[in-house]
Amino acid sequence: VARRLDGVVKPDQIHRQLMRVCLASLPEALFARVAILVEGSTEQGLLE
């Protein structure tokens, strides 16, 4: 993941945010055929 984000996200930020992002946002997304990534819940509600 860090290699993919090289030059975009600082390494210390990756390790600091990795678990939080996984726990809060991604468990169900890992089962999806396609994931639409949006900033917040209102964009999520509108697109759904």
All heavy atoms as atom14 arrays in JSON, in Angstrom:
{
  "sequence": "VARRLDGVVKPDQIHRQLMRVCLASLPEALFARVAILVEGSTEQGLLE",
  "atom14_mask": [
    [1, 1, 1, 1, 1, 1, 1, 0, 0, 0, 0, 0, 0, 0],
    [1, 1, 1, 1, 1, 0, 0, 0, 0, 0, 0, 0, 0, 0],
    [1, 1, 1, 1, 1, 1, 1, 1, 1, 1, 1, 0, 0, 0],
    [1, 1, 1, 1, 1, 1, 1, 1, 1, 1, 1, 0, 0, 0],
    [1, 1, 1, 1, 1, 1, 1, 1, 0, 0, 0, 0, 0, 0],
    [1, 1, 1, 1, 1, 1, 1, 1, 0, 0, 0, 0, 0, 0],
    [1, 1, 1, 1, 0, 0, 0, 0, 0, 0, 0, 0, 0, 0],
    [1, 1, 1, 1, 1, 1, 1, 0, 0, 0, 0, 0, 0, 0],
    [1, 1, 1, 1, 1, 1, 1, 0, 0, 0, 0, 0, 0, 0],
    [1, 1, 1, 1, 1, 1, 1, 1, 1, 0, 0, 0, 0, 0],
    [1, 1, 1, 1, 1, 1, 1, 0, 0, 0, 0, 0, 0, 0],
    [1, 1, 1, 1, 1, 1, 1, 1, 0, 0, 0, 0, 0, 0],
    [1, 1, 1, 1, 1, 1, 1, 1, 1, 0, 0, 0, 0, 0],
    [1, 1, 1, 1, 1, 1, 1, 1, 0, 0, 0, 0, 0, 0],
    [1, 1, 1, 1, 1, 1, 1, 1, 1, 1, 0, 0, 0, 0],
    [1, 1, 1, 1, 1, 1, 1, 1, 1, 1, 1, 0, 0, 0],
    [1, 1, 1, 1, 1, 1, 1, 1, 1, 0, 0, 0, 0, 0],
    [1, 1, 1, 1, 1, 1, 1, 1, 0, 0, 0, 0, 0, 0],
    [1, 1, 1, 1, 1, 1, 1, 1, 0, 0, 0, 0, 0, 0],
    [1, 1, 1, 1, 1, 1, 1, 1, 1, 1, 1, 0, 0, 0],
    [1, 1, 1, 1, 1, 1, 1, 0, 0, 0, 0, 0, 0, 0],
    [1, 1, 1, 1, 1, 1, 0, 0, 0, 0, 0, 0, 0, 0],
    [1, 1, 1, 1, 1, 1, 1, 1, 0, 0, 0, 0, 0, 0],
    [1, 1, 1, 1, 1, 0, 0, 0, 0, 0, 0, 0, 0, 0],
    [1, 1, 1, 1, 1, 1, 0, 0, 0, 0, 0, 0, 0, 0],
    [1, 1, 1, 1, 1, 1, 1, 1, 0, 0, 0, 0, 0, 0],
    [1, 1, 1, 1, 1, 1, 1, 0, 0, 0, 0, 0, 0, 0],
    [1, 1, 1, 1, 1, 1, 1, 1, 1, 0, 0, 0, 0, 0],
    [1, 1, 1, 1, 1, 0, 0, 0, 0, 0, 0, 0, 0, 0],
    [1, 1, 1, 1, 1, 1, 1, 1, 0, 0, 0, 0, 0, 0],
    [1, 1, 1, 1, 1, 1, 1, 1, 1, 1, 1, 0, 0, 0],
    [1, 1, 1, 1, 1, 0, 0, 0, 0, 0, 0, 0, 0, 0],
    [1, 1, 1, 1, 1, 1, 1, 1, 1, 1, 1, 0, 0, 0],
    [1, 1, 1, 1, 1, 1, 1, 0, 0, 0, 0, 0, 0, 0],
    [1, 1, 1, 1, 1, 0, 0, 0, 0, 0, 0, 0, 0, 0],
    [1, 1, 1, 1, 1, 1, 1, 1, 0, 0, 0, 0, 0, 0],
    [1, 1, 1, 1, 1, 1, 1, 1, 0, 0, 0, 0, 0, 0],
    [1, 1, 1, 1, 1, 1, 1, 0, 0, 0, 0, 0, 0, 0],
    [1, 1, 1, 1, 1, 1, 1, 1, 1, 0, 0, 0, 0, 0],
    [1, 1, 1, 1, 0, 0, 0, 0, 0, 0, 0, 0, 0, 0],
    [1, 1, 1, 1, 1, 1, 0, 0, 0, 0, 0, 0, 0, 0],
    [1, 1, 1, 1, 1, 1, 1, 0, 0, 0, 0, 0, 0, 0],
    [1, 1, 1, 1, 1, 1, 1, 1, 1, 0, 0, 0, 0, 0],
    [1, 1, 1, 1, 1, 1, 1, 1, 1, 0, 0, 0, 0, 0],
    [1, 1, 1, 1, 0, 0, 0, 0, 0, 0, 0, 0, 0, 0],
    [1, 1, 1, 1, 1, 1, 1, 1, 0, 0, 0, 0, 0, 0],
    [1, 1, 1, 1, 1, 1, 1, 1, 0, 0, 0, 0, 0, 0],
    [1, 1, 1, 1, 1, 1, 1, 1, 1, 0, 0, 0, 0, 0]
  ],
  "atom14_positions": [
    [[0.84, -1.2, 0.0], [0.0, 0.0, 0.0], [0.87, 1.25, 0.0], [0.6, 2.22, -0.72], [-0.94, -0.01, 1.22], [-1.66, 1.33, 1.36], [-1.96, -1.14, 1.1], [0.0, 0.0, 0.0], [0.0, 0.0, 0.0], [0.0, 0.0, 0.0], [0.0, 0.0, 0.0], [0.0, 0.0, 0.0], [0.0, 0.0, 0.0], [0.0, 0.0, 0.0]],
    [[1.94, 1.24, 0.79], [2.84, 2.38, 0.85], [3.5, 2.64, -0.5], [3.68, 3.8, -0.91], [3.9, 2.16, 1.93], [0.0, 0.0, 0.0], [0.0, 0.0, 0.0], [0.0, 0.0, 0.0], [0.0, 0.0, 0.0], [0.0, 0.0, 0.0], [0.0, 0.0, 0.0], [0.0, 0.0, 0.0], [0.0, 0.0, 0.0], [0.0, 0.0, 0.0]],
    [[3.87, 1.58, -1.2], [4.48, 1.77, -2.53], [3.49, 2.41, -3.49], [3.86, 3.27, -4.29], [4.94, 0.41, -3.09], [6.22, -0.11, -2.45], [6.79, -1.25, -3.26], [5.89, -2.39, -3.31], [5.9, -3.39, -2.42], [6.74, -3.37, -1.4], [5.07, -4.41, -2.55], [0.0, 0.0, 0.0], [0.0, 0.0, 0.0], [0.0, 0.0, 0.0]],
    [[2.25, 2.01, -3.42], [1.23, 2.59, -4.3], [0.99, 4.07, -3.99], [0.62, 4.85, -4.87], [-0.07, 1.78, -4.17], [-1.14, 2.14, -5.17], [-2.31, 1.18, -5.08], [-1.99, -0.11, -5.64], [-2.09, -0.44, -6.92], [-2.51, 0.48, -7.79], [-1.77, -1.63, -7.35], [0.0, 0.0, 0.0], [0.0, 0.0, 0.0], [0.0, 0.0, 0.0]],
    [[1.21, 4.45, -2.73], [0.96, 5.83, -2.3], [2.23, 6.67, -2.25], [2.22, 7.78, -1.73], [0.31, 5.83, -0.92], [-1.1, 5.23, -0.84], [-1.52, 5.06, 0.61], [-2.09, 6.11, -1.59], [0.0, 0.0, 0.0], [0.0, 0.0, 0.0], [0.0, 0.0, 0.0], [0.0, 0.0, 0.0], [0.0, 0.0, 0.0], [0.0, 0.0, 0.0]],
    [[3.32, 6.13, -2.78], [4.6, 6.84, -2.72], [4.49, 8.22, -3.38], [4.05, 8.34, -4.53], [5.67, 6.0, -3.43], [7.06, 6.62, -3.3], [7.33, 7.24, -2.26], [7.85, 6.49, -4.26], [0.0, 0.0, 0.0], [0.0, 0.0, 0.0], [0.0, 0.0, 0.0], [0.0, 0.0, 0.0], [0.0, 0.0, 0.0], [0.0, 0.0, 0.0]],
    [[4.89, 9.24, -2.64], [4.84, 10.6, -3.15], [3.49, 11.26, -3.02], [3.34, 12.45, -3.31], [0.0, 0.0, 0.0], [0.0, 0.0, 0.0], [0.0, 0.0, 0.0], [0.0, 0.0, 0.0], [0.0, 0.0, 0.0], [0.0, 0.0, 0.0], [0.0, 0.0, 0.0], [0.0, 0.0, 0.0], [0.0, 0.0, 0.0], [0.0, 0.0, 0.0]],
    [[2.46, 10.5, -2.55], [1.11, 11.05, -2.4], [0.76, 11.19, -0.93], [0.19, 12.2, -0.51], [0.08, 10.15, -3.12], [-1.34, 10.69, -2.91], [0.4, 10.02, -4.6], [0.0, 0.0, 0.0], [0.0, 0.0, 0.0], [0.0, 0.0, 0.0], [0.0, 0.0, 0.0], [0.0, 0.0, 0.0], [0.0, 0.0, 0.0], [0.0, 0.0, 0.0]],
    [[1.07, 10.16, -0.15], [0.82, 10.19, 1.28], [2.12, 9.88, 2.0], [2.84, 8.95, 1.62], [-0.27, 9.16, 1.68], [-0.53, 9.22, 3.19], [-1.56, 9.42, 0.91], [0.0, 0.0, 0.0], [0.0, 0.0, 0.0], [0.0, 0.0, 0.0], [0.0, 0.0, 0.0], [0.0, 0.0, 0.0], [0.0, 0.0, 0.0], [0.0, 0.0, 0.0]],
    [[2.41, 10.62, 3.04], [3.64, 10.39, 3.79], [3.59, 9.04, 4.51], [2.54, 8.64, 5.02], [3.86, 11.51, 4.82], [4.08, 12.88, 4.19], [4.27, 13.95, 5.27], [4.49, 15.32, 4.63], [4.65, 16.38, 5.66], [0.0, 0.0, 0.0], [0.0, 0.0, 0.0], [0.0, 0.0, 0.0], [0.0, 0.0, 0.0], [0.0, 0.0, 0.0]],
    [[4.72, 8.32, 4.56], [4.74, 6.99, 5.18], [4.2, 6.97, 6.6], [3.47, 6.05, 6.98], [6.22, 6.6, 5.13], [6.77, 7.36, 3.97], [6.02, 8.66, 3.96], [0.0, 0.0, 0.0], [0.0, 0.0, 0.0], [0.0, 0.0, 0.0], [0.0, 0.0, 0.0], [0.0, 0.0, 0.0], [0.0, 0.0, 0.0], [0.0, 0.0, 0.0]],
    [[4.55, 7.97, 7.42], [4.08, 7.97, 8.8], [2.57, 8.14, 8.86], [1.89, 7.59, 9.74], [4.78, 9.06, 9.61], [4.51, 10.45, 9.05], [4.33, 10.58, 7.83], [4.5, 11.42, 9.85], [0.0, 0.0, 0.0], [0.0, 0.0, 0.0], [0.0, 0.0, 0.0], [0.0, 0.0, 0.0], [0.0, 0.0, 0.0], [0.0, 0.0, 0.0]],
    [[1.99, 8.87, 7.9], [0.55, 9.02, 7.85], [-0.14, 7.72, 7.46], [-1.21, 7.4, 7.96], [0.15, 10.13, 6.87], [0.5, 11.54, 7.34], [0.05, 12.58, 6.32], [0.17, 12.37, 5.12], [-0.44, 13.71, 6.82], [0.0, 0.0, 0.0], [0.0, 0.0, 0.0], [0.0, 0.0, 0.0], [0.0, 0.0, 0.0], [0.0, 0.0, 0.0]],
    [[0.49, 6.97, 6.55], [-0.09, 5.7, 6.1], [-0.26, 4.77, 7.3], [-1.35, 4.24, 7.54], [0.8, 5.05, 5.03], [0.83, 5.91, 3.77], [0.31, 3.64, 4.71], [1.79, 5.41, 2.71], [0.0, 0.0, 0.0], [0.0, 0.0, 0.0], [0.0, 0.0, 0.0], [0.0, 0.0, 0.0], [0.0, 0.0, 0.0], [0.0, 0.0, 0.0]],
    [[0.8, 4.55, 8.05], [0.74, 3.62, 9.16], [-0.17, 4.14, 10.28], [-0.8, 3.35, 10.99], [2.14, 3.35, 9.7], [3.0, 2.59, 8.75], [2.9, 1.22, 8.61], [3.95, 2.98, 7.87], [3.77, 0.8, 7.7], [4.41, 1.86, 7.23], [0.0, 0.0, 0.0], [0.0, 0.0, 0.0], [0.0, 0.0, 0.0], [0.0, 0.0, 0.0]],
    [[-0.28, 5.45, 10.41], [-1.13, 6.03, 11.45], [-2.61, 5.89, 11.09], [-3.45, 5.7, 11.98], [-0.75, 7.49, 11.67], [-1.42, 8.12, 12.89], [-0.79, 9.46, 13.25], [-0.89, 10.43, 12.18], [0.16, 10.92, 11.49], [1.37, 10.48, 11.77], [-0.01, 11.81, 10.53], [0.0, 0.0, 0.0], [0.0, 0.0, 0.0], [0.0, 0.0, 0.0]],
    [[-2.93, 6.0, 9.82], [-4.33, 6.01, 9.4], [-4.83, 4.66, 8.88], [-6.03, 4.46, 8.72], [-4.53, 7.05, 8.29], [-4.2, 8.47, 8.72], [-4.28, 9.45, 7.55], [-4.7, 9.08, 6.46], [-3.87, 10.67, 7.78], [0.0, 0.0, 0.0], [0.0, 0.0, 0.0], [0.0, 0.0, 0.0], [0.0, 0.0, 0.0], [0.0, 0.0, 0.0]],
    [[-3.9, 3.74, 8.64], [-4.24, 2.49, 7.96], [-5.35, 1.73, 8.68], [-6.38, 1.38, 8.08], [-2.99, 1.62, 7.84], [-3.05, 0.45, 6.88], [-3.37, 0.9, 5.47], [-1.73, -0.31, 6.88], [0.0, 0.0, 0.0], [0.0, 0.0, 0.0], [0.0, 0.0, 0.0], [0.0, 0.0, 0.0], [0.0, 0.0, 0.0], [0.0, 0.0, 0.0]],
    [[-5.16, 1.46, 9.96], [-6.13, 0.66, 10.69], [-7.46, 1.38, 10.82], [-8.53, 0.77, 10.72], [-5.57, 0.3, 12.07], [-4.27, -0.48, 12.02], [-4.37, -1.9, 10.88], [-2.67, -2.46, 10.92], [0.0, 0.0, 0.0], [0.0, 0.0, 0.0], [0.0, 0.0, 0.0], [0.0, 0.0, 0.0], [0.0, 0.0, 0.0], [0.0, 0.0, 0.0]],
    [[-7.42, 2.69, 11.05], [-8.66, 3.45, 11.21], [-9.5, 3.41, 9.94], [-10.71, 3.19, 9.99], [-8.36, 4.9, 11.59], [-9.61, 5.76, 11.77], [-9.25, 7.17, 12.17], [-8.4, 7.82, 11.18], [-8.86, 8.36, 10.05], [-10.15, 8.31, 9.77], [-8.03, 8.95, 9.2], [0.0, 0.0, 0.0], [0.0, 0.0, 0.0], [0.0, 0.0, 0.0]],
    [[-8.87, 3.61, 8.8], [-9.59, 3.59, 7.53], [-10.16, 2.2, 7.28], [-11.32, 2.04, 6.87], [-8.68, 4.04, 6.38], [-9.36, 3.8, 5.03], [-8.32, 5.51, 6.53], [0.0, 0.0, 0.0], [0.0, 0.0, 0.0], [0.0, 0.0, 0.0], [0.0, 0.0, 0.0], [0.0, 0.0, 0.0], [0.0, 0.0, 0.0], [0.0, 0.0, 0.0]],
    [[-9.36, 1.17, 7.53], [-9.83, -0.21, 7.32], [-11.03, -0.51, 8.2], [-12.04, -1.05, 7.75], [-8.72, -1.21, 7.62], [-7.45, -1.29, 6.37], [0.0, 0.0, 0.0], [0.0, 0.0, 0.0], [0.0, 0.0, 0.0], [0.0, 0.0, 0.0], [0.0, 0.0, 0.0], [0.0, 0.0, 0.0], [0.0, 0.0, 0.0], [0.0, 0.0, 0.0]],
    [[-10.92, -0.16, 9.48], [-11.96, -0.5, 10.44], [-13.24, 0.27, 10.17], [-14.34, -0.28, 10.24], [-11.46, -0.22, 11.86], [-12.41, -0.6, 13.0], [-12.65, -2.1, 13.0], [-11.84, -0.15, 14.32], [0.0, 0.0, 0.0], [0.0, 0.0, 0.0], [0.0, 0.0, 0.0], [0.0, 0.0, 0.0], [0.0, 0.0, 0.0], [0.0, 0.0, 0.0]],
    [[-13.11, 1.54, 9.83], [-14.3, 2.4, 9.71], [-14.99, 2.27, 8.37], [-16.21, 2.38, 8.28], [-13.9, 3.86, 9.95], [0.0, 0.0, 0.0], [0.0, 0.0, 0.0], [0.0, 0.0, 0.0], [0.0, 0.0, 0.0], [0.0, 0.0, 0.0], [0.0, 0.0, 0.0], [0.0, 0.0, 0.0], [0.0, 0.0, 0.0], [0.0, 0.0, 0.0]],
    [[-14.25, 2.06, 7.3], [-14.82, 2.22, 5.97], [-14.85, 0.97, 5.1], [-15.74, 0.85, 4.25], [-14.05, 3.32, 5.21], [-14.02, 4.52, 5.94], [0.0, 0.0, 0.0], [0.0, 0.0, 0.0], [0.0, 0.0, 0.0], [0.0, 0.0, 0.0], [0.0, 0.0, 0.0], [0.0, 0.0, 0.0], [0.0, 0.0, 0.0], [0.0, 0.0, 0.0]],
    [[-13.92, 0.06, 5.27], [-13.69, -0.9, 4.21], [-14.18, -2.34, 4.41], [-14.15, -3.1, 3.44], [-12.18, -0.96, 3.89], [-11.55, 0.36, 3.46], [-10.12, 0.14, 3.04], [-12.35, 1.01, 2.33], [0.0, 0.0, 0.0], [0.0, 0.0, 0.0], [0.0, 0.0, 0.0], [0.0, 0.0, 0.0], [0.0, 0.0, 0.0], [0.0, 0.0, 0.0]],
    [[-14.58, -2.79, 5.6], [-14.94, -4.2, 5.73], [-15.93, -4.7, 4.67], [-15.68, -5.71, 4.02], [-15.53, -4.29, 7.14], [-14.8, -3.24, 7.9], [-14.62, -2.12, 6.92], [0.0, 0.0, 0.0], [0.0, 0.0, 0.0], [0.0, 0.0, 0.0], [0.0, 0.0, 0.0], [0.0, 0.0, 0.0], [0.0, 0.0, 0.0], [0.0, 0.0, 0.0]],
    [[-17.05, -3.99, 4.47], [-18.02, -4.44, 3.47], [-17.5, -4.23, 2.06], [-17.8, -5.02, 1.15], [-19.34, -3.71, 3.67], [-20.09, -4.12, 4.93], [-21.48, -3.53, 4.98], [-22.02, -3.18, 3.91], [-22.02, -3.4, 6.09], [0.0, 0.0, 0.0], [0.0, 0.0, 0.0], [0.0, 0.0, 0.0], [0.0, 0.0, 0.0], [0.0, 0.0, 0.0]],
    [[-16.71, -3.2, 1.85], [-16.2, -2.91, 0.5], [-15.33, -4.04, -0.02], [-15.25, -4.26, -1.23], [-15.42, -1.59, 0.51], [0.0, 0.0, 0.0], [0.0, 0.0, 0.0], [0.0, 0.0, 0.0], [0.0, 0.0, 0.0], [0.0, 0.0, 0.0], [0.0, 0.0, 0.0], [0.0, 0.0, 0.0], [0.0, 0.0, 0.0], [0.0, 0.0, 0.0]],
    [[-14.67, -4.76, 0.88], [-13.78, -5.84, 0.44], [-14.56, -6.98, -0.21], [-13.98, -7.8, -0.9], [-12.99, -6.37, 1.64], [-11.99, -5.38, 2.25], [-11.34, -5.97, 3.47], [-10.94, -4.99, 1.23], [0.0, 0.0, 0.0], [0.0, 0.0, 0.0], [0.0, 0.0, 0.0], [0.0, 0.0, 0.0], [0.0, 0.0, 0.0], [0.0, 0.0, 0.0]],
    [[-15.88, -7.03, 0.03], [-16.7, -8.08, -0.57], [-17.34, -7.63, -1.89], [-18.04, -8.41, -2.52], [-17.8, -8.5, 0.41], [-17.28, -9.18, 1.64], [-16.94, -8.46, 2.77], [-17.12, -10.56, 1.68], [-16.48, -9.09, 3.92], [-16.65, -11.2, 2.81], [-16.32, -10.46, 3.93], [0.0, 0.0, 0.0], [0.0, 0.0, 0.0], [0.0, 0.0, 0.0]],
    [[-17.13, -6.36, -2.28], [-17.83, -5.79, -3.43], [-17.16, -6.16, -4.75], [-15.96, -6.44, -4.8], [-17.89, -4.27, -3.3], [0.0, 0.0, 0.0], [0.0, 0.0, 0.0], [0.0, 0.0, 0.0], [0.0, 0.0, 0.0], [0.0, 0.0, 0.0], [0.0, 0.0, 0.0], [0.0, 0.0, 0.0], [0.0, 0.0, 0.0], [0.0, 0.0, 0.0]],
    [[-17.94, -6.14, -5.82], [-17.37, -6.27, -7.16], [-16.76, -4.94, -7.6], [-15.76, -4.91, -8.29], [-18.45, -6.71, -8.16], [-19.02, -8.09, -7.89], [-20.07, -8.44, -8.92], [-19.48, -8.66, -10.23], [-20.16, -8.62, -11.36], [-21.45, -8.32, -11.36], [-19.56, -8.84, -12.52], [0.0, 0.0, 0.0], [0.0, 0.0, 0.0], [0.0, 0.0, 0.0]],
    [[-17.4, -3.83, -7.2], [-16.88, -2.49, -7.45], [-17.22, -1.62, -6.25], [-18.31, -1.74, -5.67], [-17.51, -1.86, -8.73], [-16.99, -0.44, -8.92], [-17.21, -2.69, -9.96], [0.0, 0.0, 0.0], [0.0, 0.0, 0.0], [0.0, 0.0, 0.0], [0.0, 0.0, 0.0], [0.0, 0.0, 0.0], [0.0, 0.0, 0.0], [0.0, 0.0, 0.0]],
    [[-16.3, -0.78, -5.84], [-16.54, 0.15, -4.74], [-16.51, 1.58, -5.26], [-15.59, 1.97, -5.98], [-15.48, -0.02, -3.65], [0.0, 0.0, 0.0], [0.0, 0.0, 0.0], [0.0, 0.0, 0.0], [0.0, 0.0, 0.0], [0.0, 0.0, 0.0], [0.0, 0.0, 0.0], [0.0, 0.0, 0.0], [0.0, 0.0, 0.0], [0.0, 0.0, 0.0]],
    [[-17.55, 2.37, -4.92], [-17.58, 3.79, -5.23], [-17.12, 4.52, -3.97], [-17.79, 4.45, -2.93], [-18.99, 4.26, -5.62], [-19.55, 3.42, -6.78], [-18.96, 5.73, -6.01], [-20.98, 3.77, -7.15], [0.0, 0.0, 0.0], [0.0, 0.0, 0.0], [0.0, 0.0, 0.0], [0.0, 0.0, 0.0], [0.0, 0.0, 0.0], [0.0, 0.0, 0.0]],
    [[-16.01, 5.2, -4.03], [-15.46, 5.89, -2.88], [-15.92, 7.35, -2.9], [-15.67, 8.08, -3.86], [-13.93, 5.83, -2.9], [-13.31, 4.43, -2.94], [-11.78, 4.53, -2.87], [-13.82, 3.56, -1.81], [0.0, 0.0, 0.0], [0.0, 0.0, 0.0], [0.0, 0.0, 0.0], [0.0, 0.0, 0.0], [0.0, 0.0, 0.0], [0.0, 0.0, 0.0]],
    [[-16.59, 7.76, -1.83], [-17.08, 9.13, -1.71], [-16.59, 9.71, -0.39], [-16.17, 9.0, 0.51], [-18.62, 9.18, -1.78], [-19.11, 8.66, -3.13], [-19.26, 8.39, -0.63], [0.0, 0.0, 0.0], [0.0, 0.0, 0.0], [0.0, 0.0, 0.0], [0.0, 0.0, 0.0], [0.0, 0.0, 0.0], [0.0, 0.0, 0.0], [0.0, 0.0, 0.0]],
    [[-16.69, 11.04, -0.27], [-16.15, 11.72, 0.9], [-16.98, 11.47, 2.16], [-16.43, 11.23, 3.24], [-16.06, 13.22, 0.64], [-15.11, 13.61, -0.47], [-15.06, 15.12, -0.66], [-14.89, 15.81, 0.37], [-15.21, 15.6, -1.79], [0.0, 0.0, 0.0], [0.0, 0.0, 0.0], [0.0, 0.0, 0.0], [0.0, 0.0, 0.0], [0.0, 0.0, 0.0]],
    [[-18.3, 11.56, 2.04], [-19.13, 11.48, 3.24], [-20.44, 10.77, 3.02], [-20.74, 10.25, 1.93], [0.0, 0.0, 0.0], [0.0, 0.0, 0.0], [0.0, 0.0, 0.0], [0.0, 0.0, 0.0], [0.0, 0.0, 0.0], [0.0, 0.0, 0.0], [0.0, 0.0, 0.0], [0.0, 0.0, 0.0], [0.0, 0.0, 0.0], [0.0, 0.0, 0.0]],
    [[-21.27, 10.78, 4.06], [-22.51, 10.0, 4.04], [-23.57, 10.59, 3.12], [-24.42, 9.86, 2.6], [-23.07, 9.89, 5.46], [-23.38, 11.17, 5.98], [0.0, 0.0, 0.0], [0.0, 0.0, 0.0], [0.0, 0.0, 0.0], [0.0, 0.0, 0.0], [0.0, 0.0, 0.0], [0.0, 0.0, 0.0], [0.0, 0.0, 0.0], [0.0, 0.0, 0.0]],
    [[-23.55, 11.92, 2.88], [-24.57, 12.49, 1.99], [-24.34, 12.07, 0.55], [-25.28, 11.74, -0.18], [-24.57, 14.03, 2.1], [-23.24, 14.53, 1.92], [-25.09, 14.47, 3.46], [0.0, 0.0, 0.0], [0.0, 0.0, 0.0], [0.0, 0.0, 0.0], [0.0, 0.0, 0.0], [0.0, 0.0, 0.0], [0.0, 0.0, 0.0], [0.0, 0.0, 0.0]],
    [[-23.08, 12.06, 0.11], [-22.77, 11.55, -1.24], [-23.14, 10.06, -1.34], [-23.65, 9.6, -2.36], [-21.29, 11.73, -1.55], [-20.83, 13.18, -1.74], [-20.37, 13.82, -0.43], [-20.63, 13.22, 0.64], [-19.76, 14.89, -0.48], [0.0, 0.0, 0.0], [0.0, 0.0, 0.0], [0.0, 0.0, 0.0], [0.0, 0.0, 0.0], [0.0, 0.0, 0.0]],
    [[-22.88, 9.33, -0.25], [-23.23, 7.92, -0.23], [-24.74, 7.74, -0.4], [-25.2, 6.92, -1.22], [-22.76, 7.28, 1.08], [-23.06, 5.79, 1.19], [-22.7, 5.25, 2.57], [-22.61, 5.99, 3.54], [-22.48, 3.95, 2.64], [0.0, 0.0, 0.0], [0.0, 0.0, 0.0], [0.0, 0.0, 0.0], [0.0, 0.0, 0.0], [0.0, 0.0, 0.0]],
    [[-25.53, 8.5, 0.37], [-26.98, 8.37, 0.28], [-27.51, 8.75, -1.08], [-28.38, 8.06, -1.64], [0.0, 0.0, 0.0], [0.0, 0.0, 0.0], [0.0, 0.0, 0.0], [0.0, 0.0, 0.0], [0.0, 0.0, 0.0], [0.0, 0.0, 0.0], [0.0, 0.0, 0.0], [0.0, 0.0, 0.0], [0.0, 0.0, 0.0], [0.0, 0.0, 0.0]],
    [[-26.98, 9.84, -1.65], [-27.46, 10.29, -2.96], [-27.2, 9.25, -4.04], [-28.08, 8.9, -4.83], [-26.78, 11.61, -3.33], [-27.23, 12.19, -4.67], [-28.58, 12.87, -4.52], [-26.21, 13.16, -5.24], [0.0, 0.0, 0.0], [0.0, 0.0, 0.0], [0.0, 0.0, 0.0], [0.0, 0.0, 0.0], [0.0, 0.0, 0.0], [0.0, 0.0, 0.0]],
    [[-25.97, 8.7, -4.08], [-25.64, 7.73, -5.12], [-26.39, 6.42, -4.94], [-26.81, 5.78, -5.91], [-24.14, 7.48, -5.15], [-23.32, 8.62, -5.76], [-21.84, 8.4, -5.53], [-23.6, 8.74, -7.26], [0.0, 0.0, 0.0], [0.0, 0.0, 0.0], [0.0, 0.0, 0.0], [0.0, 0.0, 0.0], [0.0, 0.0, 0.0], [0.0, 0.0, 0.0]],
    [[-26.59, 6.0, -3.7], [-27.39, 4.79, -3.47], [-28.82, 5.01, -3.96], [-29.42, 4.12, -4.58], [-27.39, 4.41, -1.99], [-26.09, 3.78, -1.52], [-26.2, 3.26, -0.1], [-27.31, 3.3, 0.48], [-25.16, 2.81, 0.43], [0.0, 0.0, 0.0], [0.0, 0.0, 0.0], [0.0, 0.0, 0.0], [0.0, 0.0, 0.0], [0.0, 0.0, 0.0]]
  ]
}
